[in-house]
């Protein structure tokens, strides 16, 4: 019964979300949402979700990774999600030739450019 309820609820939510909101965006479309007052919450949510997802995965290549600043303990992020949005918007403004990139690729590159990870002495 509980599984049926969750299935029906997921289907209802999926139908309420517009097809445009579910489709993958380009960097250009994400920039528009990040610059629009009516869509800023979408943008901040996307950026926050990307960062949170990034922290639980490993891209494998150092140049694709980002290391935003943290507090002295290294446990608490020292930048806000709103600041991350500004980093993405600046990257998009500086790289108009890349606005056709997928949204997640562009955010990954913006973060890697802004906060590159340092190689550890043991890495080549």
PDB file of N, CA and C in Angstrom:
ATOM      1  N   UNK A   1       0.830  -1.194   0.000  1.00  0.00           N
ATOM      2  CA  UNK A   1       0.000   0.000   0.000  1.00  0.00           C
ATOM      3  C   UNK A   1       0.874   1.257   0.000  1.00  0.00           C
ATOM      4  N   UNK A   2       1.917   1.267   0.842  1.00  0.00           N
ATOM      5  CA  UNK A   2       2.788   2.434   0.930  1.00  0.00           C
ATOM      6  C   UNK A   2       3.525   2.653  -0.387  1.00  0.00           C
ATOM      7  N   UNK A   3       3.955   1.561  -1.023  1.00  0.00           N
ATOM      8  CA  UNK A   3       4.664   1.668  -2.301  1.00  0.00           C
ATOM      9  C   UNK A   3       3.727   2.220  -3.367  1.00  0.00           C
ATOM     10  N   UNK A   4       2.485   1.782  -3.382  1.00  0.00           N
ATOM     11  CA  UNK A   4       1.507   2.279  -4.344  1.00  0.00           C
ATOM     12  C   UNK A   4       1.296   3.771  -4.148  1.00  0.00           C
ATOM     13  N   UNK A   5       1.183   4.202  -2.897  1.00  0.00           N
ATOM     14  CA  UNK A   5       1.003   5.616  -2.589  1.00  0.00           C
ATOM     15  C   UNK A   5       2.187   6.435  -3.103  1.00  0.00           C
ATOM     16  N   UNK A   6       3.406   5.954  -2.852  1.00  0.00           N
ATOM     17  CA  UNK A   6       4.600   6.670  -3.308  1.00  0.00           C
ATOM     18  C   UNK A   6       4.666   6.718  -4.830  1.00  0.00           C
ATOM     19  N   UNK A   7       4.262   5.617  -5.476  1.00  0.00           N
ATOM     20  CA  UNK A   7       4.262   5.573  -6.933  1.00  0.00           C
ATOM     21  C   UNK A   7       3.283   6.593  -7.503  1.00  0.00           C
ATOM     22  N   UNK A   8       2.074   6.643  -6.956  1.00  0.00           N
ATOM     23  CA  UNK A   8       1.057   7.592  -7.417  1.00  0.00           C
ATOM     24  C   UNK A   8       1.514   9.025  -7.153  1.00  0.00           C
ATOM     25  N   UNK A   9       2.089   9.267  -5.977  1.00  0.00           N
ATOM     26  CA  UNK A   9       2.571  10.599  -5.632  1.00  0.00           C
ATOM     27  C   UNK A   9       3.684  11.040  -6.581  1.00  0.00           C
ATOM     28  N   UNK A  10       4.626  10.136  -6.906  1.00  0.00           N
ATOM     29  CA  UNK A  10       5.698  10.482  -7.839  1.00  0.00           C
ATOM     30  C   UNK A  10       5.134  10.800  -9.211  1.00  0.00           C
ATOM     31  N   UNK A  11       4.157  10.036  -9.652  1.00  0.00           N
ATOM     32  CA  UNK A  11       3.544  10.295 -10.951  1.00  0.00           C
ATOM     33  C   UNK A  11       2.844  11.634 -10.988  1.00  0.00           C
ATOM     34  N   UNK A  12       2.176  11.987  -9.905  1.00  0.00           N
ATOM     35  CA  UNK A  12       1.489  13.270  -9.820  1.00  0.00           C
ATOM     36  C   UNK A  12       2.497  14.415  -9.879  1.00  0.00           C
ATOM     37  N   UNK A  13       3.554  14.296  -9.136  1.00  0.00           N
ATOM     38  CA  UNK A  13       4.588  15.338  -9.141  1.00  0.00           C
ATOM     39  C   UNK A  13       5.202  15.469 -10.524  1.00  0.00           C
ATOM     40  N   UNK A  14       5.470  14.352 -11.164  1.00  0.00           N
ATOM     41  CA  UNK A  14       6.069  14.375 -12.505  1.00  0.00           C
ATOM     42  C   UNK A  14       5.155  15.064 -13.510  1.00  0.00           C
ATOM     43  N   UNK A  15       3.858  14.868 -13.388  1.00  0.00           N
ATOM     44  CA  UNK A  15       2.936  15.509 -14.336  1.00  0.00           C
ATOM     45  C   UNK A  15       2.772  16.990 -14.035  1.00  0.00           C
ATOM     46  N   UNK A  16       2.986  17.390 -12.802  1.00  0.00           N
ATOM     47  CA  UNK A  16       2.865  18.803 -12.454  1.00  0.00           C
ATOM     48  C   UNK A  16       4.067  19.623 -12.897  1.00  0.00           C
ATOM     49  N   UNK A  17       5.194  18.977 -13.035  1.00  0.00           N
ATOM     50  CA  UNK A  17       6.397  19.673 -13.492  1.00  0.00           C
ATOM     51  C   UNK A  17       6.316  19.791 -15.006  1.00  0.00           C
ATOM     52  N   UNK A  18       6.476  20.992 -15.510  1.00  0.00           N
ATOM     53  CA  UNK A  18       6.357  21.192 -16.954  1.00  0.00           C
ATOM     54  C   UNK A  18       7.464  20.448 -17.686  1.00  0.00           C
ATOM     55  N   UNK A  19       7.201  20.033 -18.916  1.00  0.00           N
ATOM     56  CA  UNK A  19       8.237  19.354 -19.699  1.00  0.00           C
ATOM     57  C   UNK A  19       9.495  20.217 -19.842  1.00  0.00           C
ATOM     58  N   UNK A  20       9.321  21.530 -19.954  1.00  0.00           N
ATOM     59  CA  UNK A  20      10.472  22.422 -20.086  1.00  0.00           C
ATOM     60  C   UNK A  20      11.334  22.377 -18.827  1.00  0.00           C
ATOM     61  N   UNK A  21      10.721  22.289 -17.656  1.00  0.00           N
ATOM     62  CA  UNK A  21      11.480  22.249 -16.407  1.00  0.00           C
ATOM     63  C   UNK A  21      12.220  20.923 -16.261  1.00  0.00           C
ATOM     64  N   UNK A  22      11.684  19.857 -16.852  1.00  0.00           N
ATOM     65  CA  UNK A  22      12.317  18.550 -16.733  1.00  0.00           C
ATOM     66  C   UNK A  22      13.428  18.346 -17.748  1.00  0.00           C
ATOM     67  N   UNK A  23      13.400  19.091 -18.839  1.00  0.00           N
ATOM     68  CA  UNK A  23      14.405  18.910 -19.887  1.00  0.00           C
ATOM     69  C   UNK A  23      15.750  19.470 -19.434  1.00  0.00           C
ATOM     70  N   UNK A  24      16.814  18.866 -19.938  1.00  0.00           N
ATOM     71  CA  UNK A  24      18.148  19.371 -19.633  1.00  0.00           C
ATOM     72  C   UNK A  24      18.297  20.746 -20.260  1.00  0.00           C
ATOM     73  N   UNK A  25      18.969  21.609 -19.548  1.00  0.00           N
ATOM     74  CA  UNK A  25      19.179  22.966 -20.024  1.00  0.00           C
ATOM     75  C   UNK A  25      20.575  23.118 -20.599  1.00  0.00           C
ATOM     76  N   UNK A  26      20.738  24.140 -21.415  1.00  0.00           N
ATOM     77  CA  UNK A  26      22.078  24.528 -21.834  1.00  0.00           C
ATOM     78  C   UNK A  26      22.573  25.573 -20.840  1.00  0.00           C
ATOM     79  N   UNK A  27      23.853  25.892 -20.918  1.00  0.00           N
ATOM     80  CA  UNK A  27      24.406  26.938 -20.059  1.00  0.00           C
ATOM     81  C   UNK A  27      23.667  28.254 -20.293  1.00  0.00           C
ATOM     82  N   UNK A  28      23.364  28.540 -21.547  1.00  0.00           N
ATOM     83  CA  UNK A  28      22.669  29.785 -21.876  1.00  0.00           C
ATOM     84  C   UNK A  28      21.301  29.860 -21.196  1.00  0.00           C
ATOM     85  N   UNK A  29      20.559  28.756 -21.219  1.00  0.00           N
ATOM     86  CA  UNK A  29      19.236  28.739 -20.581  1.00  0.00           C
ATOM     87  C   UNK A  29      19.358  28.853 -19.063  1.00  0.00           C
ATOM     88  N   UNK A  30      20.368  28.215 -18.499  1.00  0.00           N
ATOM     89  CA  UNK A  30      20.569  28.316 -17.054  1.00  0.00           C
ATOM     90  C   UNK A  30      20.947  29.742 -16.667  1.00  0.00           C
ATOM     91  N   UNK A  31      21.775  30.397 -17.467  1.00  0.00           N
ATOM     92  CA  UNK A  31      22.133  31.797 -17.194  1.00  0.00           C
ATOM     93  C   UNK A  31      20.878  32.661 -17.168  1.00  0.00           C
ATOM     94  N   UNK A  32      19.997  32.469 -18.128  1.00  0.00           N
ATOM     95  CA  UNK A  32      18.753  33.248 -18.171  1.00  0.00           C
ATOM     96  C   UNK A  32      17.954  33.059 -16.886  1.00  0.00           C
ATOM     97  N   UNK A  33      17.889  31.817 -16.405  1.00  0.00           N
ATOM     98  CA  UNK A  33      17.166  31.573 -15.156  1.00  0.00           C
ATOM     99  C   UNK A  33      17.878  32.194 -13.966  1.00  0.00           C
ATOM    100  N   UNK A  34      19.203  32.217 -14.020  1.00  0.00           N
ATOM    101  CA  UNK A  34      19.973  32.796 -12.917  1.00  0.00           C
ATOM    102  C   UNK A  34      19.877  34.318 -12.901  1.00  0.00           C
ATOM    103  N   UNK A  35      19.570  34.906 -14.035  1.00  0.00           N
ATOM    104  CA  UNK A  35      19.457  36.362 -14.113  1.00  0.00           C
ATOM    105  C   UNK A  35      18.025  36.849 -13.953  1.00  0.00           C
ATOM    106  N   UNK A  36      17.082  35.947 -13.968  1.00  0.00           N
ATOM    107  CA  UNK A  36      15.669  36.304 -13.857  1.00  0.00           C
ATOM    108  C   UNK A  36      15.208  36.265 -12.403  1.00  0.00           C
ATOM    109  N   UNK A  37      14.583  37.338 -11.982  1.00  0.00           N
ATOM    110  CA  UNK A  37      14.075  37.400 -10.606  1.00  0.00           C
ATOM    111  C   UNK A  37      13.057  36.293 -10.366  1.00  0.00           C
ATOM    112  N   UNK A  38      12.243  35.999 -11.369  1.00  0.00           N
ATOM    113  CA  UNK A  38      11.200  34.984 -11.181  1.00  0.00           C
ATOM    114  C   UNK A  38      11.751  33.556 -11.172  1.00  0.00           C
ATOM    115  N   UNK A  39      12.973  33.350 -11.666  1.00  0.00           N
ATOM    116  CA  UNK A  39      13.552  32.003 -11.716  1.00  0.00           C
ATOM    117  C   UNK A  39      14.773  31.828 -10.831  1.00  0.00           C
ATOM    118  N   UNK A  40      15.104  32.821 -10.022  1.00  0.00           N
ATOM    119  CA  UNK A  40      16.326  32.737  -9.222  1.00  0.00           C
ATOM    120  C   UNK A  40      16.282  31.556  -8.255  1.00  0.00           C
ATOM    121  N   UNK A  41      15.117  31.219  -7.746  1.00  0.00           N
ATOM    122  CA  UNK A  41      15.048  30.086  -6.813  1.00  0.00           C
ATOM    123  C   UNK A  41      15.384  28.777  -7.529  1.00  0.00           C
ATOM    124  N   UNK A  42      14.970  28.643  -8.801  1.00  0.00           N
ATOM    125  CA  UNK A  42      15.349  27.468  -9.586  1.00  0.00           C
ATOM    126  C   UNK A  42      16.867  27.417  -9.713  1.00  0.00           C
ATOM    127  N   UNK A  43      17.452  28.552 -10.063  1.00  0.00           N
ATOM    128  CA  UNK A  43      18.898  28.625 -10.272  1.00  0.00           C
ATOM    129  C   UNK A  43      19.656  28.275  -8.989  1.00  0.00           C
ATOM    130  N   UNK A  44      19.280  28.897  -7.885  1.00  0.00           N
ATOM    131  CA  UNK A  44      19.957  28.614  -6.619  1.00  0.00           C
ATOM    132  C   UNK A  44      19.787  27.153  -6.221  1.00  0.00           C
ATOM    133  N   UNK A  45      18.601  26.604  -6.456  1.00  0.00           N
ATOM    134  CA  UNK A  45      18.368  25.188  -6.155  1.00  0.00           C
ATOM    135  C   UNK A  45      19.212  24.279  -7.032  1.00  0.00           C
ATOM    136  N   UNK A  46      19.335  24.631  -8.302  1.00  0.00           N
ATOM    137  CA  UNK A  46      20.157  23.833  -9.215  1.00  0.00           C
ATOM    138  C   UNK A  46      21.611  23.863  -8.775  1.00  0.00           C
ATOM    139  N   UNK A  47      22.118  25.065  -8.486  1.00  0.00           N
ATOM    140  CA  UNK A  47      23.511  25.223  -8.073  1.00  0.00           C
ATOM    141  C   UNK A  47      23.758  24.462  -6.769  1.00  0.00           C
ATOM    142  N   UNK A  48      22.850  24.600  -5.814  1.00  0.00           N
ATOM    143  CA  UNK A  48      22.998  23.892  -4.538  1.00  0.00           C
ATOM    144  C   UNK A  48      22.990  22.385  -4.755  1.00  0.00           C
ATOM    145  N   UNK A  49      22.075  21.915  -5.586  1.00  0.00           N
ATOM    146  CA  UNK A  49      22.006  20.479  -5.874  1.00  0.00           C
ATOM    147  C   UNK A  49      23.246  19.978  -6.573  1.00  0.00           C
ATOM    148  N   UNK A  50      23.757  20.786  -7.498  1.00  0.00           N
ATOM    149  CA  UNK A  50      24.988  20.395  -8.189  1.00  0.00           C
ATOM    150  C   UNK A  50      26.130  20.285  -7.194  1.00  0.00           C
ATOM    151  N   UNK A  51      26.285  21.294  -6.355  1.00  0.00           N
ATOM    152  CA  UNK A  51      27.382  21.263  -5.384  1.00  0.00           C
ATOM    153  C   UNK A  51      27.238  20.068  -4.440  1.00  0.00           C
ATOM    154  N   UNK A  52      26.034  19.877  -3.922  1.00  0.00           N
ATOM    155  CA  UNK A  52      25.818  18.757  -2.997  1.00  0.00           C
ATOM    156  C   UNK A  52      26.096  17.420  -3.680  1.00  0.00           C
ATOM    157  N   UNK A  53      25.682  17.277  -4.925  1.00  0.00           N
ATOM    158  CA  UNK A  53      25.957  16.049  -5.670  1.00  0.00           C
ATOM    159  C   UNK A  53      27.430  15.879  -5.962  1.00  0.00           C
ATOM    160  N   UNK A  54      28.090  16.981  -6.245  1.00  0.00           N
ATOM    161  CA  UNK A  54      29.518  16.944  -6.536  1.00  0.00           C
ATOM    162  C   UNK A  54      30.317  16.459  -5.340  1.00  0.00           C
ATOM    163  N   UNK A  55      29.893  16.830  -4.171  1.00  0.00           N
ATOM    164  CA  UNK A  55      30.649  16.452  -2.977  1.00  0.00           C
ATOM    165  C   UNK A  55      30.519  14.966  -2.670  1.00  0.00           C
ATOM    166  N   UNK A  56      29.565  14.303  -3.305  1.00  0.00           N
ATOM    167  CA  UNK A  56      29.394  12.875  -3.041  1.00  0.00           C
ATOM    168  C   UNK A  56      29.893  12.019  -4.196  1.00  0.00           C
ATOM    169  N   UNK A  57      30.519  12.650  -5.188  1.00  0.00           N
ATOM    170  CA  UNK A  57      31.035  11.882  -6.313  1.00  0.00           C
ATOM    171  C   UNK A  57      32.457  12.322  -6.634  1.00  0.00           C
ATOM    172  N   UNK A  58      33.111  11.520  -7.436  1.00  0.00           N
ATOM    173  CA  UNK A  58      34.487  11.801  -7.812  1.00  0.00           C
ATOM    174  C   UNK A  58      34.558  11.794  -9.327  1.00  0.00           C
ATOM    175  N   UNK A  59      34.923  12.903  -9.925  1.00  0.00           N
ATOM    176  CA  UNK A  59      35.014  12.978 -11.380  1.00  0.00           C
ATOM    177  C   UNK A  59      36.196  12.194 -11.912  1.00  0.00           C
ATOM    178  N   UNK A  60      37.164  11.940 -11.055  1.00  0.00           N
ATOM    179  CA  UNK A  60      38.324  11.177 -11.475  1.00  0.00           C
ATOM    180  C   UNK A  60      39.451  12.014 -12.040  1.00  0.00           C
ATOM    181  N   UNK A  61      39.151  13.105 -12.697  1.00  0.00           N
ATOM    182  CA  UNK A  61      40.180  13.961 -13.271  1.00  0.00           C
ATOM    183  C   UNK A  61      40.274  15.230 -12.423  1.00  0.00           C
ATOM    184  N   UNK A  62      41.469  15.544 -11.991  1.00  0.00           N
ATOM    185  CA  UNK A  62      41.679  16.702 -11.134  1.00  0.00           C
ATOM    186  C   UNK A  62      41.175  17.986 -11.781  1.00  0.00           C
ATOM    187  N   UNK A  63      41.359  18.135 -13.093  1.00  0.00           N
ATOM    188  CA  UNK A  63      40.943  19.366 -13.757  1.00  0.00           C
ATOM    189  C   UNK A  63      39.426  19.535 -13.814  1.00  0.00           C
ATOM    190  N   UNK A  64      38.668  18.473 -13.585  1.00  0.00           N
ATOM    191  CA  UNK A  64      37.210  18.562 -13.564  1.00  0.00           C
ATOM    192  C   UNK A  64      36.668  18.791 -12.157  1.00  0.00           C
ATOM    193  N   UNK A  65      37.520  18.675 -11.179  1.00  0.00           N
ATOM    194  CA  UNK A  65      37.080  18.815  -9.793  1.00  0.00           C
ATOM    195  C   UNK A  65      37.187  20.266  -9.347  1.00  0.00           C
ATOM    196  N   UNK A  66      36.413  20.618  -8.344  1.00  0.00           N
ATOM    197  CA  UNK A  66      36.502  21.955  -7.762  1.00  0.00           C
ATOM    198  C   UNK A  66      36.621  21.808  -6.255  1.00  0.00           C
ATOM    199  N   UNK A  67      37.299  22.760  -5.665  1.00  0.00           N
ATOM    200  CA  UNK A  67      37.521  22.750  -4.219  1.00  0.00           C
ATOM    201  C   UNK A  67      37.184  24.124  -3.650  1.00  0.00           C
ATOM    202  N   UNK A  68      35.886  24.429  -3.517  1.00  0.00           N
ATOM    203  CA  UNK A  68      35.510  25.728  -2.951  1.00  0.00           C
ATOM    204  C   UNK A  68      36.109  25.896  -1.554  1.00  0.00           C
ATOM    205  N   UNK A  69      36.342  27.138  -1.151  1.00  0.00           N
ATOM    206  CA  UNK A  69      36.952  27.369   0.154  1.00  0.00           C
ATOM    207  C   UNK A  69      36.065  26.882   1.296  1.00  0.00           C
ATOM    208  N   UNK A  70      36.731  26.451   2.339  1.00  0.00           N
ATOM    209  CA  UNK A  70      36.032  26.001   3.542  1.00  0.00           C
ATOM    210  C   UNK A  70      36.586  26.762   4.743  1.00  0.00           C
ATOM    211  N   UNK A  71      35.948  26.559   5.881  1.00  0.00           N
ATOM    212  CA  UNK A  71      36.455  27.175   7.106  1.00  0.00           C
ATOM    213  C   UNK A  71      37.756  26.488   7.525  1.00  0.00           C
ATOM    214  N   UNK A  72      38.327  26.920   8.637  1.00  0.00           N
ATOM    215  CA  UNK A  72      39.618  26.369   9.072  1.00  0.00           C
ATOM    216  C   UNK A  72      39.575  24.881   9.359  1.00  0.00           C
ATOM    217  N   UNK A  73      38.404  24.378   9.735  1.00  0.00           N
ATOM    218  CA  UNK A  73      38.310  22.947  10.021  1.00  0.00           C
ATOM    219  C   UNK A  73      38.245  22.128   8.737  1.00  0.00           C
ATOM    220  N   UNK A  74      37.897  22.786   7.639  1.00  0.00           N
ATOM    221  CA  UNK A  74      37.752  22.082   6.373  1.00  0.00           C
ATOM    222  C   UNK A  74      36.421  21.388   6.240  1.00  0.00           C
ATOM    223  N   UNK A  75      35.537  21.588   7.198  1.00  0.00           N
ATOM    224  CA  UNK A  75      34.246  20.894   7.190  1.00  0.00           C
ATOM    225  C   UNK A  75      33.088  21.759   6.723  1.00  0.00           C
ATOM    226  N   UNK A  76      33.193  23.068   6.886  1.00  0.00           N
ATOM    227  CA  UNK A  76      32.073  23.949   6.545  1.00  0.00           C
ATOM    228  C   UNK A  76      32.441  24.802   5.342  1.00  0.00           C
ATOM    229  N   UNK A  77      31.548  24.836   4.383  1.00  0.00           N
ATOM    230  CA  UNK A  77      31.743  25.628   3.183  1.00  0.00           C
ATOM    231  C   UNK A  77      31.838  27.106   3.538  1.00  0.00           C
ATOM    232  N   UNK A  78      32.788  27.820   2.938  1.00  0.00           N
ATOM    233  CA  UNK A  78      32.998  29.243   3.238  1.00  0.00           C
ATOM    234  C   UNK A  78      32.383  30.156   2.178  1.00  0.00           C
ATOM    235  N   UNK A  79      31.626  29.587   1.247  1.00  0.00           N
ATOM    236  CA  UNK A  79      30.899  30.384   0.259  1.00  0.00           C
ATOM    237  C   UNK A  79      29.446  29.939   0.279  1.00  0.00           C
ATOM    238  N   UNK A  80      28.558  30.879  -0.019  1.00  0.00           N
ATOM    239  CA  UNK A  80      27.130  30.557  -0.037  1.00  0.00           C
ATOM    240  C   UNK A  80      26.721  30.066  -1.423  1.00  0.00           C
ATOM    241  N   UNK A  81      25.545  29.486  -1.496  1.00  0.00           N
ATOM    242  CA  UNK A  81      25.029  29.062  -2.791  1.00  0.00           C
ATOM    243  C   UNK A  81      24.796  30.280  -3.688  1.00  0.00           C
ATOM    244  N   UNK A  82      24.414  31.402  -3.095  1.00  0.00           N
ATOM    245  CA  UNK A  82      24.240  32.631  -3.889  1.00  0.00           C
ATOM    246  C   UNK A  82      25.561  33.065  -4.503  1.00  0.00           C
ATOM    247  N   UNK A  83      26.649  32.912  -3.766  1.00  0.00           N
ATOM    248  CA  UNK A  83      27.967  33.228  -4.323  1.00  0.00           C
ATOM    249  C   UNK A  83      28.317  32.258  -5.447  1.00  0.00           C
ATOM    250  N   UNK A  84      27.922  31.001  -5.308  1.00  0.00           N
ATOM    251  CA  UNK A  84      28.165  30.026  -6.370  1.00  0.00           C
ATOM    252  C   UNK A  84      27.416  30.419  -7.639  1.00  0.00           C
ATOM    253  N   UNK A  85      26.214  30.952  -7.488  1.00  0.00           N
ATOM    254  CA  UNK A  85      25.450  31.423  -8.644  1.00  0.00           C
ATOM    255  C   UNK A  85      26.220  32.549  -9.334  1.00  0.00           C
ATOM    256  N   UNK A  86      26.776  33.467  -8.545  1.00  0.00           N
ATOM    257  CA  UNK A  86      27.546  34.568  -9.116  1.00  0.00           C
ATOM    258  C   UNK A  86      28.782  34.053  -9.861  1.00  0.00           C
ATOM    259  N   UNK A  87      29.430  33.028  -9.318  1.00  0.00           N
ATOM    260  CA  UNK A  87      30.590  32.427  -9.982  1.00  0.00           C
ATOM    261  C   UNK A  87      30.163  31.849 -11.334  1.00  0.00           C
ATOM    262  N   UNK A  88      29.038  31.143 -11.354  1.00  0.00           N
ATOM    263  CA  UNK A  88      28.546  30.575 -12.609  1.00  0.00           C
ATOM    264  C   UNK A  88      28.199  31.678 -13.607  1.00  0.00           C
ATOM    265  N   UNK A  89      27.514  32.717 -13.158  1.00  0.00           N
ATOM    266  CA  UNK A  89      27.128  33.802 -14.058  1.00  0.00           C
ATOM    267  C   UNK A  89      28.353  34.500 -14.642  1.00  0.00           C
ATOM    268  N   UNK A  90      29.381  34.709 -13.833  1.00  0.00           N
ATOM    269  CA  UNK A  90      30.612  35.339 -14.329  1.00  0.00           C
ATOM    270  C   UNK A  90      31.284  34.439 -15.363  1.00  0.00           C
ATOM    271  N   UNK A  91      31.338  33.145 -15.066  1.00  0.00           N
ATOM    272  CA  UNK A  91      31.927  32.205 -16.025  1.00  0.00           C
ATOM    273  C   UNK A  91      31.182  32.291 -17.355  1.00  0.00           C
ATOM    274  N   UNK A  92      29.856  32.298 -17.306  1.00  0.00           N
ATOM    275  CA  UNK A  92      29.047  32.340 -18.526  1.00  0.00           C
ATOM    276  C   UNK A  92      29.301  33.630 -19.298  1.00  0.00           C
ATOM    277  N   UNK A  93      29.422  34.737 -18.587  1.00  0.00           N
ATOM    278  CA  UNK A  93      29.702  36.020 -19.244  1.00  0.00           C
ATOM    279  C   UNK A  93      31.092  35.999 -19.892  1.00  0.00           C
ATOM    280  N   UNK A  94      32.050  35.375 -19.228  1.00  0.00           N
ATOM    281  CA  UNK A  94      33.420  35.314 -19.731  1.00  0.00           C
ATOM    282  C   UNK A  94      33.609  34.282 -20.842  1.00  0.00           C
ATOM    283  N   UNK A  95      32.668  33.353 -20.984  1.00  0.00           N
ATOM    284  CA  UNK A  95      32.800  32.268 -21.965  1.00  0.00           C
ATOM    285  C   UNK A  95      31.534  32.113 -22.821  1.00  0.00           C
ATOM    286  N   UNK A  96      31.149  33.142 -23.571  1.00  0.00           N
ATOM    287  CA  UNK A  96      29.928  33.026 -24.378  1.00  0.00           C
ATOM    288  C   UNK A  96      30.012  31.916 -25.424  1.00  0.00           C
ATOM    289  N   UNK A  97      31.217  31.539 -25.796  1.00  0.00           N
ATOM    290  CA  UNK A  97      31.384  30.473 -26.786  1.00  0.00           C
ATOM    291  C   UNK A  97      31.022  29.100 -26.223  1.00  0.00           C
ATOM    292  N   UNK A  98      30.809  29.018 -24.917  1.00  0.00           N
ATOM    293  CA  UNK A  98      30.493  27.731 -24.291  1.00  0.00           C
ATOM    294  C   UNK A  98      29.044  27.650 -23.805  1.00  0.00           C
ATOM    295  N   UNK A  99      28.226  28.600 -24.194  1.00  0.00           N
ATOM    296  CA  UNK A  99      26.849  28.621 -23.705  1.00  0.00           C
ATOM    297  C   UNK A  99      25.993  27.486 -24.259  1.00  0.00           C
ATOM    298  N   UNK A 100      26.498  26.758 -25.218  1.00  0.00           N
ATOM    299  CA  UNK A 100      25.766  25.592 -25.736  1.00  0.00           C
ATOM    300  C   UNK A 100      26.019  24.346 -24.880  1.00  0.00           C
ATOM    301  N   UNK A 101      26.969  24.418 -23.946  1.00  0.00           N
ATOM    302  CA  UNK A 101      27.260  23.280 -23.064  1.00  0.00           C
ATOM    303  C   UNK A 101      26.017  22.913 -22.261  1.00  0.00           C
ATOM    304  N   UNK A 102      25.934  21.668 -21.856  1.00  0.00           N
ATOM    305  CA  UNK A 102      24.862  21.240 -20.942  1.00  0.00           C
ATOM    306  C   UNK A 102      25.025  21.993 -19.623  1.00  0.00           C
ATOM    307  N   UNK A 103      23.914  22.228 -18.938  1.00  0.00           N
ATOM    308  CA  UNK A 103      23.945  23.002 -17.702  1.00  0.00           C
ATOM    309  C   UNK A 103      24.936  22.438 -16.687  1.00  0.00           C
ATOM    310  N   UNK A 104      24.910  21.130 -16.460  1.00  0.00           N
ATOM    311  CA  UNK A 104      25.789  20.546 -15.444  1.00  0.00           C
ATOM    312  C   UNK A 104      27.254  20.626 -15.842  1.00  0.00           C
ATOM    313  N   UNK A 105      27.540  20.518 -17.143  1.00  0.00           N
ATOM    314  CA  UNK A 105      28.915  20.619 -17.616  1.00  0.00           C
ATOM    315  C   UNK A 105      29.431  22.041 -17.399  1.00  0.00           C
ATOM    316  N   UNK A 106      28.571  23.016 -17.673  1.00  0.00           N
ATOM    317  CA  UNK A 106      28.990  24.406 -17.527  1.00  0.00           C
ATOM    318  C   UNK A 106      29.211  24.777 -16.063  1.00  0.00           C
ATOM    319  N   UNK A 107      28.360  24.313 -15.180  1.00  0.00           N
ATOM    320  CA  UNK A 107      28.551  24.605 -13.758  1.00  0.00           C
ATOM    321  C   UNK A 107      29.817  23.913 -13.255  1.00  0.00           C
ATOM    322  N   UNK A 108      30.032  22.678 -13.679  1.00  0.00           N
ATOM    323  CA  UNK A 108      31.249  21.958 -13.286  1.00  0.00           C
ATOM    324  C   UNK A 108      32.486  22.732 -13.731  1.00  0.00           C
ATOM    325  N   UNK A 109      32.485  23.215 -14.971  1.00  0.00           N
ATOM    326  CA  UNK A 109      33.642  23.953 -15.474  1.00  0.00           C
ATOM    327  C   UNK A 109      33.800  25.299 -14.756  1.00  0.00           C
ATOM    328  N   UNK A 110      32.695  25.967 -14.508  1.00  0.00           N
ATOM    329  CA  UNK A 110      32.764  27.254 -13.795  1.00  0.00           C
ATOM    330  C   UNK A 110      33.377  27.070 -12.414  1.00  0.00           C
ATOM    331  N   UNK A 111      32.942  26.040 -11.705  1.00  0.00           N
ATOM    332  CA  UNK A 111      33.471  25.784 -10.365  1.00  0.00           C
ATOM    333  C   UNK A 111      34.942  25.360 -10.424  1.00  0.00           C
ATOM    334  N   UNK A 112      35.299  24.525 -11.393  1.00  0.00           N
ATOM    335  CA  UNK A 112      36.695  24.082 -11.520  1.00  0.00           C
ATOM    336  C   UNK A 112      37.607  25.260 -11.854  1.00  0.00           C
ATOM    337  N   UNK A 113      37.114  26.204 -12.664  1.00  0.00           N
ATOM    338  CA  UNK A 113      37.898  27.398 -12.985  1.00  0.00           C
ATOM    339  C   UNK A 113      38.056  28.300 -11.763  1.00  0.00           C
ATOM    340  N   UNK A 114      36.974  28.472 -11.014  1.00  0.00           N
ATOM    341  CA  UNK A 114      36.994  29.385  -9.866  1.00  0.00           C
ATOM    342  C   UNK A 114      37.747  28.807  -8.672  1.00  0.00           C
ATOM    343  N   UNK A 115      37.588  27.522  -8.449  1.00  0.00           N
ATOM    344  CA  UNK A 115      38.169  26.884  -7.265  1.00  0.00           C
ATOM    345  C   UNK A 115      38.905  25.601  -7.651  1.00  0.00           C
ATOM    346  N   UNK A 116      40.011  25.731  -8.392  1.00  0.00           N
ATOM    347  CA  UNK A 116      40.731  24.517  -8.784  1.00  0.00           C
ATOM    348  C   UNK A 116      41.278  23.788  -7.562  1.00  0.00           C
ATOM    349  N   UNK A 117      41.311  22.491  -7.648  1.00  0.00           N
ATOM    350  CA  UNK A 117      41.877  21.686  -6.563  1.00  0.00           C
ATOM    351  C   UNK A 117      43.386  21.635  -6.744  1.00  0.00           C
ATOM    352  N   UNK A 118      44.070  21.701  -5.670  1.00  0.00           N
ATOM    353  CA  UNK A 118      45.535  21.610  -5.693  1.00  0.00           C
ATOM    354  C   UNK A 118      45.925  20.141  -5.695  1.00  0.00           C
ATOM    355  N   UNK A 119      46.954  19.851  -6.425  1.00  0.00           N
ATOM    356  CA  UNK A 119      47.473  18.481  -6.419  1.00  0.00           C
ATOM    357  C   UNK A 119      48.146  18.230  -5.070  1.00  0.00           C
ATOM    358  N   UNK A 120      47.930  17.066  -4.564  1.00  0.00           N
ATOM    359  CA  UNK A 120      48.631  16.653  -3.337  1.00  0.00           C
ATOM    360  C   UNK A 120      50.046  16.249  -3.720  1.00  0.00           C
ATOM    361  N   UNK A 121      51.020  16.418  -2.825  1.00  0.00           N
ATOM    362  CA  UNK A 121      52.396  16.055  -3.156  1.00  0.00           C
ATOM    363  C   UNK A 121      52.534  14.622  -3.668  1.00  0.00           C
ATOM    364  N   UNK A 122      51.677  13.720  -3.242  1.00  0.00           N
ATOM    365  CA  UNK A 122      51.763  12.316  -3.674  1.00  0.00           C
ATOM    366  C   UNK A 122      51.206  12.103  -5.081  1.00  0.00           C
ATOM    367  N   UNK A 123      50.472  13.116  -5.634  1.00  0.00           N
ATOM    368  CA  UNK A 123      49.899  12.987  -6.973  1.00  0.00           C
ATOM    369  C   UNK A 123      50.879  13.501  -8.009  1.00  0.00           C
ATOM    370  N   UNK A 124      50.841  12.904  -9.191  1.00  0.00           N
ATOM    371  CA  UNK A 124      51.710  13.362 -10.289  1.00  0.00           C
ATOM    372  C   UNK A 124      50.953  14.265 -11.207  1.00  0.00           C
TER     373      UNK A 124
END
